[in-house]
């Protein structure tokens, strides 16, 4: 590596060092999987479910446009955008880090044979590293759902919103099962309050 840099000349060597530093900085600022799940995915998925649930028709098989306020349309669009952008970011990363020291993973207390059989951070990292291609596919499926929600909200298309909302749990579970070890969130520990970053 040093010989190659030397052969390229001082300017190229400096550029290589700058590029390396930029790569290190980029990986350092890349959100973890746990941060993404806790502060983006779960928050905005819940927004979609809450607004959709309040807008059901009497049969519960569709939504009523009049039950969705202008503010809620904006919230649905923003929720879709946030899901799309973060899921795309995860899908395009060369390697995702599940968590950093001090991050609490919901359900880690149940790892290793607990009642919900959720995986620990170390186990989740190993599963993602072992099948990164599937993780990318699952992330892109979520990104597509987010994009569809953003589009439906912009057009005030209740059928589009209903389609995404009714399938979103399955999309989430499709990633939770192979990489978290469960499709059912374990109970939230007593007194646990996630800190929403950037709020």
N, C-alpha and C. Protein backbone atom coordinates (compact mmCIF):
# COMPACT_ATOMS: atom_id res chain seq x y z
N UNK A 1 0.83 -1.20 0.00
CA UNK A 1 0.00 0.00 0.00
C UNK A 1 0.86 1.25 0.00
N UNK A 2 1.88 1.28 0.85
CA UNK A 2 2.76 2.45 0.92
C UNK A 2 3.54 2.61 -0.38
N UNK A 3 3.98 1.51 -0.97
CA UNK A 3 4.74 1.59 -2.21
C UNK A 3 3.87 2.13 -3.33
N UNK A 4 2.64 1.71 -3.38
CA UNK A 4 1.73 2.19 -4.42
C UNK A 4 1.47 3.67 -4.26
N UNK A 5 1.26 4.12 -3.04
CA UNK A 5 1.02 5.53 -2.80
C UNK A 5 2.25 6.34 -3.20
N UNK A 6 3.42 5.81 -2.89
CA UNK A 6 4.65 6.52 -3.22
C UNK A 6 4.81 6.66 -4.72
N UNK A 7 4.42 5.64 -5.45
CA UNK A 7 4.54 5.67 -6.89
C UNK A 7 3.57 6.63 -7.55
N UNK A 8 2.49 6.95 -6.86
CA UNK A 8 1.49 7.84 -7.43
C UNK A 8 1.87 9.31 -7.30
N UNK A 9 2.83 9.61 -6.47
CA UNK A 9 3.24 11.00 -6.30
C UNK A 9 2.57 11.62 -5.09
N UNK A 10 3.09 12.76 -4.61
CA UNK A 10 2.59 13.41 -3.40
C UNK A 10 1.11 13.78 -3.47
N UNK A 11 0.68 14.37 -4.61
CA UNK A 11 -0.70 14.82 -4.71
C UNK A 11 -1.67 13.65 -4.60
N UNK A 12 -1.38 12.57 -5.32
CA UNK A 12 -2.25 11.40 -5.28
C UNK A 12 -2.25 10.78 -3.90
N UNK A 13 -1.09 10.80 -3.25
CA UNK A 13 -0.99 10.24 -1.90
C UNK A 13 -1.86 11.01 -0.92
N UNK A 14 -1.85 12.34 -1.04
CA UNK A 14 -2.67 13.18 -0.18
C UNK A 14 -4.15 12.90 -0.42
N UNK A 15 -4.52 12.77 -1.70
CA UNK A 15 -5.91 12.49 -2.03
C UNK A 15 -6.36 11.15 -1.45
N UNK A 16 -5.47 10.18 -1.50
CA UNK A 16 -5.80 8.86 -0.96
C UNK A 16 -6.02 8.91 0.54
N UNK A 17 -5.16 9.68 1.22
CA UNK A 17 -5.29 9.82 2.68
C UNK A 17 -6.60 10.53 3.02
N UNK A 18 -6.91 11.58 2.25
CA UNK A 18 -8.16 12.33 2.47
C UNK A 18 -9.36 11.42 2.26
N UNK A 19 -9.31 10.62 1.19
CA UNK A 19 -10.41 9.70 0.91
C UNK A 19 -10.58 8.69 2.03
N UNK A 20 -9.46 8.17 2.55
CA UNK A 20 -9.50 7.20 3.64
C UNK A 20 -10.11 7.84 4.88
N UNK A 21 -9.70 9.08 5.17
CA UNK A 21 -10.24 9.79 6.34
C UNK A 21 -11.73 10.02 6.18
N UNK A 22 -12.14 10.36 4.96
CA UNK A 22 -13.57 10.59 4.71
C UNK A 22 -14.36 9.32 4.92
N UNK A 23 -13.76 8.18 4.50
CA UNK A 23 -14.44 6.90 4.69
C UNK A 23 -14.61 6.56 6.14
N UNK A 24 -13.57 6.84 6.94
CA UNK A 24 -13.64 6.59 8.38
C UNK A 24 -14.70 7.48 9.02
N UNK A 25 -14.72 8.75 8.63
CA UNK A 25 -15.70 9.68 9.19
C UNK A 25 -17.11 9.26 8.82
N UNK A 26 -17.26 8.79 7.55
CA UNK A 26 -18.58 8.36 7.09
C UNK A 26 -19.09 7.18 7.91
N UNK A 27 -18.22 6.19 8.15
CA UNK A 27 -18.64 5.03 8.92
C UNK A 27 -18.93 5.39 10.37
N UNK A 28 -18.22 6.41 10.87
CA UNK A 28 -18.41 6.82 12.26
C UNK A 28 -19.75 7.52 12.45
N UNK A 29 -20.23 8.20 11.38
CA UNK A 29 -21.48 8.94 11.49
C UNK A 29 -22.67 8.15 10.98
N UNK A 30 -22.43 6.98 10.43
CA UNK A 30 -23.50 6.14 9.91
C UNK A 30 -24.36 5.64 11.07
N UNK A 31 -25.68 5.83 11.01
CA UNK A 31 -26.52 5.36 12.11
C UNK A 31 -26.49 3.84 12.21
N UNK A 32 -26.59 3.34 13.41
CA UNK A 32 -26.61 1.89 13.61
C UNK A 32 -27.98 1.34 13.24
N UNK A 33 -28.05 0.03 13.09
CA UNK A 33 -29.32 -0.62 12.82
C UNK A 33 -30.28 -0.36 13.98
N UNK A 34 -29.76 -0.48 15.19
CA UNK A 34 -30.60 -0.28 16.38
C UNK A 34 -31.14 1.14 16.44
N UNK A 35 -30.30 2.13 16.14
CA UNK A 35 -30.75 3.52 16.13
C UNK A 35 -31.84 3.72 15.08
N UNK A 36 -31.64 3.09 13.92
CA UNK A 36 -32.62 3.21 12.85
C UNK A 36 -33.96 2.59 13.23
N UNK A 37 -33.91 1.42 13.86
CA UNK A 37 -35.13 0.75 14.27
C UNK A 37 -35.87 1.54 15.36
N UNK A 38 -35.09 2.03 16.33
CA UNK A 38 -35.68 2.69 17.50
C UNK A 38 -36.19 4.10 17.20
N UNK A 39 -35.41 4.87 16.45
CA UNK A 39 -35.73 6.29 16.29
C UNK A 39 -36.36 6.66 14.96
N UNK A 40 -36.35 5.72 14.01
CA UNK A 40 -36.94 6.03 12.70
C UNK A 40 -38.03 5.03 12.34
N UNK A 41 -37.66 3.76 12.18
CA UNK A 41 -38.61 2.77 11.67
C UNK A 41 -39.84 2.61 12.57
N UNK A 42 -39.61 2.34 13.85
CA UNK A 42 -40.74 2.09 14.75
C UNK A 42 -41.60 3.34 14.93
N UNK A 43 -40.96 4.50 15.00
CA UNK A 43 -41.70 5.75 15.21
C UNK A 43 -42.62 6.05 14.03
N UNK A 44 -42.09 5.96 12.82
CA UNK A 44 -42.87 6.34 11.64
C UNK A 44 -43.84 5.24 11.20
N UNK A 45 -43.49 3.99 11.46
CA UNK A 45 -44.45 2.92 11.20
C UNK A 45 -45.67 3.09 12.11
N UNK A 46 -45.41 3.46 13.37
CA UNK A 46 -46.51 3.66 14.30
C UNK A 46 -47.40 4.82 13.88
N UNK A 47 -46.78 5.87 13.33
CA UNK A 47 -47.56 7.00 12.82
C UNK A 47 -48.52 6.53 11.73
N UNK A 48 -48.01 5.72 10.82
CA UNK A 48 -48.84 5.20 9.72
C UNK A 48 -49.97 4.35 10.26
N UNK A 49 -49.66 3.47 11.20
CA UNK A 49 -50.71 2.60 11.76
C UNK A 49 -51.75 3.40 12.55
N UNK A 50 -51.31 4.38 13.32
CA UNK A 50 -52.25 5.16 14.13
C UNK A 50 -53.23 5.94 13.26
N UNK A 51 -52.71 6.60 12.24
CA UNK A 51 -53.58 7.40 11.36
C UNK A 51 -54.51 6.49 10.57
N UNK A 52 -53.99 5.37 10.10
CA UNK A 52 -54.82 4.43 9.34
C UNK A 52 -55.92 3.84 10.21
N UNK A 53 -55.58 3.46 11.41
CA UNK A 53 -56.56 2.85 12.32
C UNK A 53 -57.72 3.80 12.62
N UNK A 54 -57.40 5.08 12.73
CA UNK A 54 -58.43 6.08 13.03
C UNK A 54 -59.30 6.39 11.82
N UNK A 55 -58.87 5.95 10.64
CA UNK A 55 -59.60 6.28 9.41
C UNK A 55 -60.32 5.07 8.80
N UNK A 56 -60.37 3.95 9.52
CA UNK A 56 -61.04 2.77 8.98
C UNK A 56 -62.51 3.04 8.70
N UNK A 57 -63.04 2.34 7.68
CA UNK A 57 -64.47 2.39 7.44
C UNK A 57 -65.15 1.42 8.42
N UNK A 58 -66.47 1.33 8.35
CA UNK A 58 -67.20 0.51 9.31
C UNK A 58 -66.84 -0.97 9.23
N UNK A 59 -66.50 -1.42 8.04
CA UNK A 59 -66.15 -2.83 7.87
C UNK A 59 -64.71 -3.11 8.26
N UNK A 60 -63.90 -2.08 8.29
CA UNK A 60 -62.49 -2.26 8.63
C UNK A 60 -61.66 -2.79 7.47
N UNK A 61 -62.22 -2.70 6.25
CA UNK A 61 -61.49 -3.22 5.09
C UNK A 61 -61.05 -2.11 4.13
N UNK A 62 -61.03 -0.90 4.65
CA UNK A 62 -60.62 0.23 3.84
C UNK A 62 -60.61 1.50 4.68
N UNK A 63 -60.16 2.59 4.10
CA UNK A 63 -60.08 3.85 4.82
C UNK A 63 -61.04 4.88 4.22
N UNK A 64 -61.43 5.82 5.06
CA UNK A 64 -62.32 6.91 4.65
C UNK A 64 -61.50 8.19 4.55
N UNK A 65 -61.43 8.76 3.37
CA UNK A 65 -60.59 9.94 3.14
C UNK A 65 -60.93 11.10 4.07
N UNK A 66 -62.22 11.29 4.35
CA UNK A 66 -62.65 12.40 5.20
C UNK A 66 -62.15 12.28 6.64
N UNK A 67 -61.76 11.08 7.03
CA UNK A 67 -61.27 10.87 8.38
C UNK A 67 -59.78 11.20 8.52
N UNK A 68 -59.15 11.53 7.41
CA UNK A 68 -57.73 11.88 7.43
C UNK A 68 -57.60 13.38 7.22
N UNK A 69 -57.10 14.06 8.22
CA UNK A 69 -56.99 15.52 8.17
C UNK A 69 -55.83 15.95 7.27
N UNK A 70 -55.81 17.21 6.85
CA UNK A 70 -54.68 17.70 6.05
C UNK A 70 -53.34 17.49 6.77
N UNK A 71 -53.35 17.69 8.08
CA UNK A 71 -52.13 17.49 8.86
C UNK A 71 -51.70 16.03 8.85
N UNK A 72 -52.68 15.13 8.91
CA UNK A 72 -52.37 13.71 8.89
C UNK A 72 -51.84 13.26 7.53
N UNK A 73 -52.34 13.84 6.46
CA UNK A 73 -51.79 13.53 5.14
C UNK A 73 -50.31 13.90 5.09
N UNK A 74 -49.98 15.04 5.65
CA UNK A 74 -48.57 15.47 5.69
C UNK A 74 -47.74 14.53 6.54
N UNK A 75 -48.29 14.11 7.67
CA UNK A 75 -47.57 13.20 8.55
C UNK A 75 -47.35 11.84 7.88
N UNK A 76 -48.34 11.37 7.13
CA UNK A 76 -48.20 10.11 6.41
C UNK A 76 -47.10 10.22 5.35
N UNK A 77 -47.10 11.35 4.63
CA UNK A 77 -46.08 11.55 3.61
C UNK A 77 -44.69 11.62 4.20
N UNK A 78 -44.57 12.31 5.33
CA UNK A 78 -43.28 12.43 5.99
C UNK A 78 -42.83 11.09 6.56
N UNK A 79 -43.77 10.33 7.10
CA UNK A 79 -43.44 9.01 7.63
C UNK A 79 -42.92 8.11 6.51
N UNK A 80 -43.60 8.16 5.37
CA UNK A 80 -43.16 7.36 4.24
C UNK A 80 -41.77 7.77 3.76
N UNK A 81 -41.54 9.07 3.71
CA UNK A 81 -40.24 9.57 3.26
C UNK A 81 -39.13 9.13 4.20
N UNK A 82 -39.38 9.24 5.49
CA UNK A 82 -38.37 8.85 6.48
C UNK A 82 -38.04 7.36 6.40
N UNK A 83 -39.07 6.53 6.25
CA UNK A 83 -38.85 5.09 6.12
C UNK A 83 -38.05 4.80 4.85
N UNK A 84 -38.43 5.43 3.76
CA UNK A 84 -37.75 5.21 2.49
C UNK A 84 -36.28 5.59 2.57
N UNK A 85 -36.00 6.77 3.10
CA UNK A 85 -34.63 7.26 3.12
C UNK A 85 -33.72 6.46 4.05
N UNK A 86 -34.24 6.11 5.25
CA UNK A 86 -33.39 5.38 6.17
C UNK A 86 -33.18 3.94 5.70
N UNK A 87 -34.23 3.31 5.18
CA UNK A 87 -34.09 1.94 4.69
C UNK A 87 -33.13 1.87 3.51
N UNK A 88 -33.19 2.87 2.65
CA UNK A 88 -32.27 2.92 1.51
C UNK A 88 -30.84 3.10 1.99
N UNK A 89 -30.65 3.93 3.00
CA UNK A 89 -29.33 4.14 3.57
C UNK A 89 -28.76 2.82 4.12
N UNK A 90 -29.59 2.07 4.82
CA UNK A 90 -29.15 0.78 5.36
C UNK A 90 -28.82 -0.20 4.24
N UNK A 91 -29.65 -0.20 3.21
CA UNK A 91 -29.45 -1.15 2.11
C UNK A 91 -28.16 -0.88 1.34
N UNK A 92 -27.77 0.37 1.26
CA UNK A 92 -26.60 0.72 0.44
C UNK A 92 -25.29 0.72 1.22
N UNK A 93 -25.36 0.54 2.53
CA UNK A 93 -24.14 0.51 3.33
C UNK A 93 -23.35 -0.77 3.05
N UNK A 94 -22.04 -0.65 3.00
CA UNK A 94 -21.20 -1.83 2.77
C UNK A 94 -21.34 -2.83 3.91
N UNK A 95 -21.38 -2.32 5.12
CA UNK A 95 -21.57 -3.17 6.29
C UNK A 95 -22.29 -2.38 7.37
N UNK A 96 -23.34 -2.94 7.89
CA UNK A 96 -24.09 -2.27 8.94
C UNK A 96 -23.60 -2.69 10.31
N UNK A 97 -23.54 -1.74 11.22
CA UNK A 97 -23.21 -2.02 12.62
C UNK A 97 -24.52 -2.02 13.40
N UNK A 98 -24.78 -3.08 14.10
CA UNK A 98 -26.05 -3.23 14.82
C UNK A 98 -26.18 -2.21 15.94
N UNK A 99 -25.14 -2.08 16.75
CA UNK A 99 -25.20 -1.13 17.86
C UNK A 99 -23.78 -0.78 18.30
N UNK A 100 -23.69 0.31 19.01
CA UNK A 100 -22.41 0.70 19.61
C UNK A 100 -22.53 0.52 21.12
N UNK A 101 -21.42 0.59 21.80
CA UNK A 101 -21.42 0.39 23.24
C UNK A 101 -22.37 1.39 23.92
N UNK A 102 -23.20 0.90 24.79
CA UNK A 102 -24.12 1.75 25.52
C UNK A 102 -25.51 1.81 24.91
N UNK A 103 -25.68 1.32 23.67
CA UNK A 103 -27.00 1.30 23.05
C UNK A 103 -27.79 0.11 23.59
N UNK A 104 -29.01 0.37 23.99
CA UNK A 104 -29.88 -0.71 24.47
C UNK A 104 -30.69 -1.25 23.31
N UNK A 105 -30.70 -2.56 23.15
CA UNK A 105 -31.51 -3.19 22.12
C UNK A 105 -32.74 -3.78 22.78
N UNK A 106 -33.89 -3.37 22.32
CA UNK A 106 -35.14 -3.86 22.87
C UNK A 106 -35.19 -5.38 22.76
N UNK A 107 -35.35 -6.03 23.89
CA UNK A 107 -35.45 -7.48 23.89
C UNK A 107 -34.16 -8.21 24.21
N UNK A 108 -33.05 -7.46 24.36
CA UNK A 108 -31.79 -8.15 24.60
C UNK A 108 -31.80 -8.91 25.94
N UNK A 109 -32.68 -8.48 26.85
CA UNK A 109 -32.80 -9.20 28.12
C UNK A 109 -33.38 -10.59 27.91
N UNK A 110 -34.07 -10.78 26.76
CA UNK A 110 -34.71 -12.06 26.49
C UNK A 110 -33.86 -12.96 25.61
N UNK A 111 -32.65 -12.50 25.27
CA UNK A 111 -31.78 -13.30 24.40
C UNK A 111 -31.37 -14.59 25.09
N UNK A 112 -30.97 -15.54 24.30
CA UNK A 112 -30.51 -16.83 24.81
C UNK A 112 -31.59 -17.61 25.54
N UNK A 113 -32.72 -17.81 24.86
CA UNK A 113 -33.76 -18.67 25.42
C UNK A 113 -34.79 -17.98 26.28
N UNK A 114 -34.87 -16.65 26.20
CA UNK A 114 -35.88 -15.93 26.96
C UNK A 114 -37.27 -16.19 26.39
N UNK A 115 -38.29 -15.64 27.03
CA UNK A 115 -39.67 -15.93 26.60
C UNK A 115 -39.98 -15.48 25.18
N UNK A 116 -39.25 -14.48 24.66
CA UNK A 116 -39.51 -14.01 23.31
C UNK A 116 -38.41 -14.45 22.35
N UNK A 117 -37.36 -15.06 22.88
CA UNK A 117 -36.27 -15.59 22.07
C UNK A 117 -35.66 -14.55 21.14
N UNK A 118 -35.62 -13.30 21.58
CA UNK A 118 -34.98 -12.25 20.80
C UNK A 118 -33.47 -12.45 20.85
N UNK A 119 -32.78 -11.91 19.85
CA UNK A 119 -31.34 -12.09 19.77
C UNK A 119 -30.60 -10.93 20.42
N UNK A 120 -29.37 -11.19 20.81
CA UNK A 120 -28.51 -10.15 21.36
C UNK A 120 -27.88 -9.36 20.22
N UNK A 121 -27.26 -8.25 20.54
CA UNK A 121 -26.60 -7.43 19.52
C UNK A 121 -25.56 -8.24 18.76
N UNK A 122 -24.79 -9.04 19.49
CA UNK A 122 -23.74 -9.86 18.87
C UNK A 122 -24.35 -10.88 17.92
N UNK A 123 -25.46 -11.48 18.32
CA UNK A 123 -26.12 -12.47 17.48
C UNK A 123 -26.71 -11.83 16.23
N UNK A 124 -27.33 -10.66 16.42
CA UNK A 124 -27.92 -9.95 15.28
C UNK A 124 -26.85 -9.56 14.28
N UNK A 125 -25.72 -9.06 14.80
CA UNK A 125 -24.62 -8.68 13.91
C UNK A 125 -24.14 -9.88 13.09
N UNK A 126 -24.02 -11.02 13.74
CA UNK A 126 -23.56 -12.23 13.05
C UNK A 126 -24.56 -12.65 11.98
N UNK A 127 -25.85 -12.54 12.27
CA UNK A 127 -26.87 -12.93 11.29
C UNK A 127 -26.87 -12.01 10.08
N UNK A 128 -26.71 -10.71 10.31
CA UNK A 128 -26.67 -9.76 9.20
C UNK A 128 -25.41 -9.97 8.36
N UNK A 129 -24.28 -10.15 9.02
CA UNK A 129 -23.03 -10.37 8.30
C UNK A 129 -23.07 -11.67 7.49
N UNK A 130 -23.75 -12.67 8.03
CA UNK A 130 -23.81 -13.97 7.36
C UNK A 130 -24.69 -13.93 6.11
N UNK A 131 -25.73 -13.09 6.13
CA UNK A 131 -26.66 -13.04 4.99
C UNK A 131 -26.97 -11.58 4.65
N UNK A 132 -25.92 -10.85 4.32
CA UNK A 132 -26.07 -9.42 4.03
C UNK A 132 -26.98 -9.16 2.84
N UNK A 133 -26.95 -10.06 1.86
CA UNK A 133 -27.79 -9.87 0.67
C UNK A 133 -29.27 -9.88 1.03
N UNK A 134 -29.64 -10.80 1.93
CA UNK A 134 -31.05 -10.83 2.34
C UNK A 134 -31.41 -9.56 3.12
N UNK A 135 -30.48 -9.11 3.96
CA UNK A 135 -30.73 -7.88 4.72
C UNK A 135 -30.97 -6.72 3.77
N UNK A 136 -30.18 -6.64 2.71
CA UNK A 136 -30.34 -5.58 1.71
C UNK A 136 -31.70 -5.68 1.03
N UNK A 137 -32.09 -6.90 0.67
CA UNK A 137 -33.41 -7.09 0.03
C UNK A 137 -34.53 -6.66 0.95
N UNK A 138 -34.43 -7.03 2.21
CA UNK A 138 -35.49 -6.68 3.17
C UNK A 138 -35.55 -5.16 3.38
N UNK A 139 -34.38 -4.54 3.44
CA UNK A 139 -34.33 -3.09 3.62
C UNK A 139 -34.94 -2.38 2.41
N UNK A 140 -34.66 -2.87 1.22
CA UNK A 140 -35.21 -2.26 0.02
C UNK A 140 -36.72 -2.47 -0.08
N UNK A 141 -37.21 -3.58 0.45
CA UNK A 141 -38.66 -3.81 0.48
C UNK A 141 -39.32 -2.75 1.36
N UNK A 142 -38.68 -2.44 2.49
CA UNK A 142 -39.20 -1.40 3.36
C UNK A 142 -39.10 -0.03 2.69
N UNK A 143 -38.00 0.21 1.99
CA UNK A 143 -37.82 1.48 1.28
C UNK A 143 -38.92 1.67 0.24
N UNK A 144 -39.26 0.60 -0.45
CA UNK A 144 -40.31 0.66 -1.46
C UNK A 144 -41.67 0.94 -0.83
N UNK A 145 -41.92 0.34 0.34
CA UNK A 145 -43.16 0.60 1.06
C UNK A 145 -43.24 2.07 1.48
N UNK A 146 -42.11 2.59 1.96
CA UNK A 146 -42.06 3.99 2.35
C UNK A 146 -42.32 4.91 1.16
N UNK A 147 -41.72 4.59 0.03
CA UNK A 147 -41.92 5.39 -1.18
C UNK A 147 -43.38 5.35 -1.63
N UNK A 148 -43.99 4.18 -1.53
CA UNK A 148 -45.39 4.04 -1.91
C UNK A 148 -46.29 4.85 -0.98
N UNK A 149 -45.95 4.88 0.31
CA UNK A 149 -46.73 5.67 1.26
C UNK A 149 -46.57 7.16 0.97
N UNK A 150 -45.36 7.58 0.71
CA UNK A 150 -45.10 8.98 0.39
C UNK A 150 -45.91 9.41 -0.84
N UNK A 151 -45.92 8.57 -1.86
CA UNK A 151 -46.65 8.85 -3.09
C UNK A 151 -48.15 8.89 -2.84
N UNK A 152 -48.66 7.91 -2.09
CA UNK A 152 -50.10 7.84 -1.81
C UNK A 152 -50.56 9.05 -1.00
N UNK A 153 -49.75 9.44 -0.03
CA UNK A 153 -50.11 10.59 0.80
C UNK A 153 -50.14 11.88 -0.02
N UNK A 154 -49.19 12.02 -0.90
CA UNK A 154 -49.13 13.21 -1.75
C UNK A 154 -50.37 13.30 -2.65
N UNK A 155 -50.83 12.15 -3.14
CA UNK A 155 -52.00 12.09 -4.01
C UNK A 155 -53.31 11.98 -3.23
N UNK A 156 -53.20 11.87 -1.89
CA UNK A 156 -54.36 11.65 -1.02
C UNK A 156 -55.16 10.44 -1.48
N UNK A 157 -54.41 9.39 -1.73
CA UNK A 157 -54.96 8.13 -2.23
C UNK A 157 -55.16 7.18 -1.05
N UNK A 158 -56.42 7.07 -0.58
CA UNK A 158 -56.68 6.24 0.60
C UNK A 158 -56.44 4.76 0.31
N UNK A 159 -56.67 4.33 -0.91
CA UNK A 159 -56.42 2.93 -1.24
C UNK A 159 -54.93 2.61 -1.15
N UNK A 160 -54.13 3.55 -1.63
CA UNK A 160 -52.68 3.37 -1.56
C UNK A 160 -52.19 3.35 -0.13
N UNK A 161 -52.74 4.24 0.70
CA UNK A 161 -52.36 4.29 2.11
C UNK A 161 -52.76 2.99 2.81
N UNK A 162 -53.97 2.53 2.53
CA UNK A 162 -54.45 1.29 3.14
C UNK A 162 -53.58 0.10 2.75
N UNK A 163 -53.21 0.04 1.49
CA UNK A 163 -52.39 -1.08 1.01
C UNK A 163 -51.05 -1.13 1.74
N UNK A 164 -50.40 0.02 1.86
CA UNK A 164 -49.11 0.05 2.56
C UNK A 164 -49.29 -0.26 4.04
N UNK A 165 -50.25 0.40 4.65
CA UNK A 165 -50.46 0.23 6.09
C UNK A 165 -50.80 -1.21 6.46
N UNK A 166 -51.66 -1.84 5.67
CA UNK A 166 -52.09 -3.20 5.99
C UNK A 166 -50.99 -4.23 5.76
N UNK A 167 -50.02 -3.90 4.91
CA UNK A 167 -48.93 -4.83 4.63
C UNK A 167 -47.64 -4.51 5.40
N UNK A 168 -47.63 -3.37 6.08
CA UNK A 168 -46.39 -2.91 6.71
C UNK A 168 -45.89 -3.84 7.81
N UNK A 169 -46.82 -4.40 8.57
CA UNK A 169 -46.41 -5.31 9.64
C UNK A 169 -45.70 -6.54 9.06
N UNK A 170 -46.20 -7.03 7.95
CA UNK A 170 -45.58 -8.18 7.30
C UNK A 170 -44.19 -7.82 6.77
N UNK A 171 -44.07 -6.60 6.23
CA UNK A 171 -42.76 -6.13 5.74
C UNK A 171 -41.76 -6.08 6.89
N UNK A 172 -42.20 -5.54 8.02
CA UNK A 172 -41.32 -5.44 9.19
C UNK A 172 -40.93 -6.83 9.71
N UNK A 173 -41.93 -7.69 9.82
CA UNK A 173 -41.67 -9.04 10.32
C UNK A 173 -40.72 -9.82 9.40
N UNK A 174 -40.77 -9.50 8.10
CA UNK A 174 -39.91 -10.19 7.15
C UNK A 174 -38.44 -9.98 7.44
N UNK A 175 -38.12 -8.89 8.13
CA UNK A 175 -36.73 -8.64 8.52
C UNK A 175 -36.49 -9.03 9.98
N UNK A 176 -37.51 -8.86 10.82
CA UNK A 176 -37.36 -9.19 12.23
C UNK A 176 -37.10 -10.69 12.44
N UNK A 177 -37.83 -11.51 11.71
CA UNK A 177 -37.71 -12.95 11.92
C UNK A 177 -36.31 -13.48 11.64
N UNK A 178 -35.69 -13.17 10.48
CA UNK A 178 -34.36 -13.72 10.23
C UNK A 178 -33.22 -13.00 10.95
N UNK A 179 -33.44 -11.74 11.34
CA UNK A 179 -32.31 -10.98 11.88
C UNK A 179 -32.48 -10.54 13.34
N UNK A 180 -33.67 -10.66 13.89
CA UNK A 180 -33.88 -10.31 15.30
C UNK A 180 -34.23 -11.55 16.10
N UNK A 181 -34.69 -12.56 15.37
CA UNK A 181 -35.02 -13.83 16.02
C UNK A 181 -36.45 -13.93 16.47
N UNK A 182 -37.25 -12.89 16.20
CA UNK A 182 -38.65 -12.89 16.61
C UNK A 182 -39.45 -11.97 15.73
N UNK A 183 -40.74 -12.26 15.56
CA UNK A 183 -41.60 -11.32 14.83
C UNK A 183 -42.53 -10.60 15.80
N UNK A 184 -42.37 -10.90 17.08
CA UNK A 184 -43.16 -10.24 18.12
C UNK A 184 -42.24 -9.43 19.02
N UNK A 185 -42.42 -8.11 19.07
CA UNK A 185 -41.57 -7.29 19.94
C UNK A 185 -41.69 -7.75 21.39
N UNK A 186 -40.58 -7.93 22.07
CA UNK A 186 -40.64 -8.29 23.49
C UNK A 186 -41.18 -7.13 24.30
N UNK A 187 -41.60 -7.37 25.54
CA UNK A 187 -42.16 -6.28 26.35
C UNK A 187 -41.11 -5.20 26.61
N UNK A 188 -41.58 -3.97 26.59
CA UNK A 188 -40.68 -2.84 26.86
C UNK A 188 -40.33 -2.86 28.34
N UNK A 189 -39.04 -2.81 28.68
CA UNK A 189 -38.64 -2.82 30.09
C UNK A 189 -39.28 -1.65 30.85
N UNK A 190 -39.64 -1.90 32.08
CA UNK A 190 -40.26 -0.87 32.90
C UNK A 190 -39.35 0.35 33.02
N UNK A 191 -39.90 1.51 32.73
CA UNK A 191 -39.15 2.75 32.83
C UNK A 191 -38.31 3.07 31.62
N UNK A 192 -38.37 2.20 30.56
CA UNK A 192 -37.55 2.43 29.37
C UNK A 192 -38.17 3.52 28.51
N UNK A 193 -37.44 4.58 28.24
CA UNK A 193 -37.90 5.65 27.36
C UNK A 193 -36.81 5.94 26.34
N UNK A 194 -37.07 5.62 25.05
CA UNK A 194 -36.04 5.88 24.04
C UNK A 194 -35.81 7.36 23.86
N UNK A 195 -34.58 7.76 23.68
CA UNK A 195 -34.24 9.16 23.45
C UNK A 195 -34.29 9.40 21.95
N UNK A 196 -35.18 10.28 21.50
CA UNK A 196 -35.32 10.56 20.08
C UNK A 196 -34.28 11.59 19.66
N UNK A 197 -33.35 11.14 18.87
CA UNK A 197 -32.26 12.02 18.44
C UNK A 197 -32.75 13.02 17.41
N UNK A 198 -32.20 14.20 17.49
CA UNK A 198 -32.51 15.23 16.52
C UNK A 198 -33.87 15.86 16.72
N UNK A 199 -34.49 15.59 17.87
CA UNK A 199 -35.81 16.16 18.14
C UNK A 199 -35.70 17.35 19.07
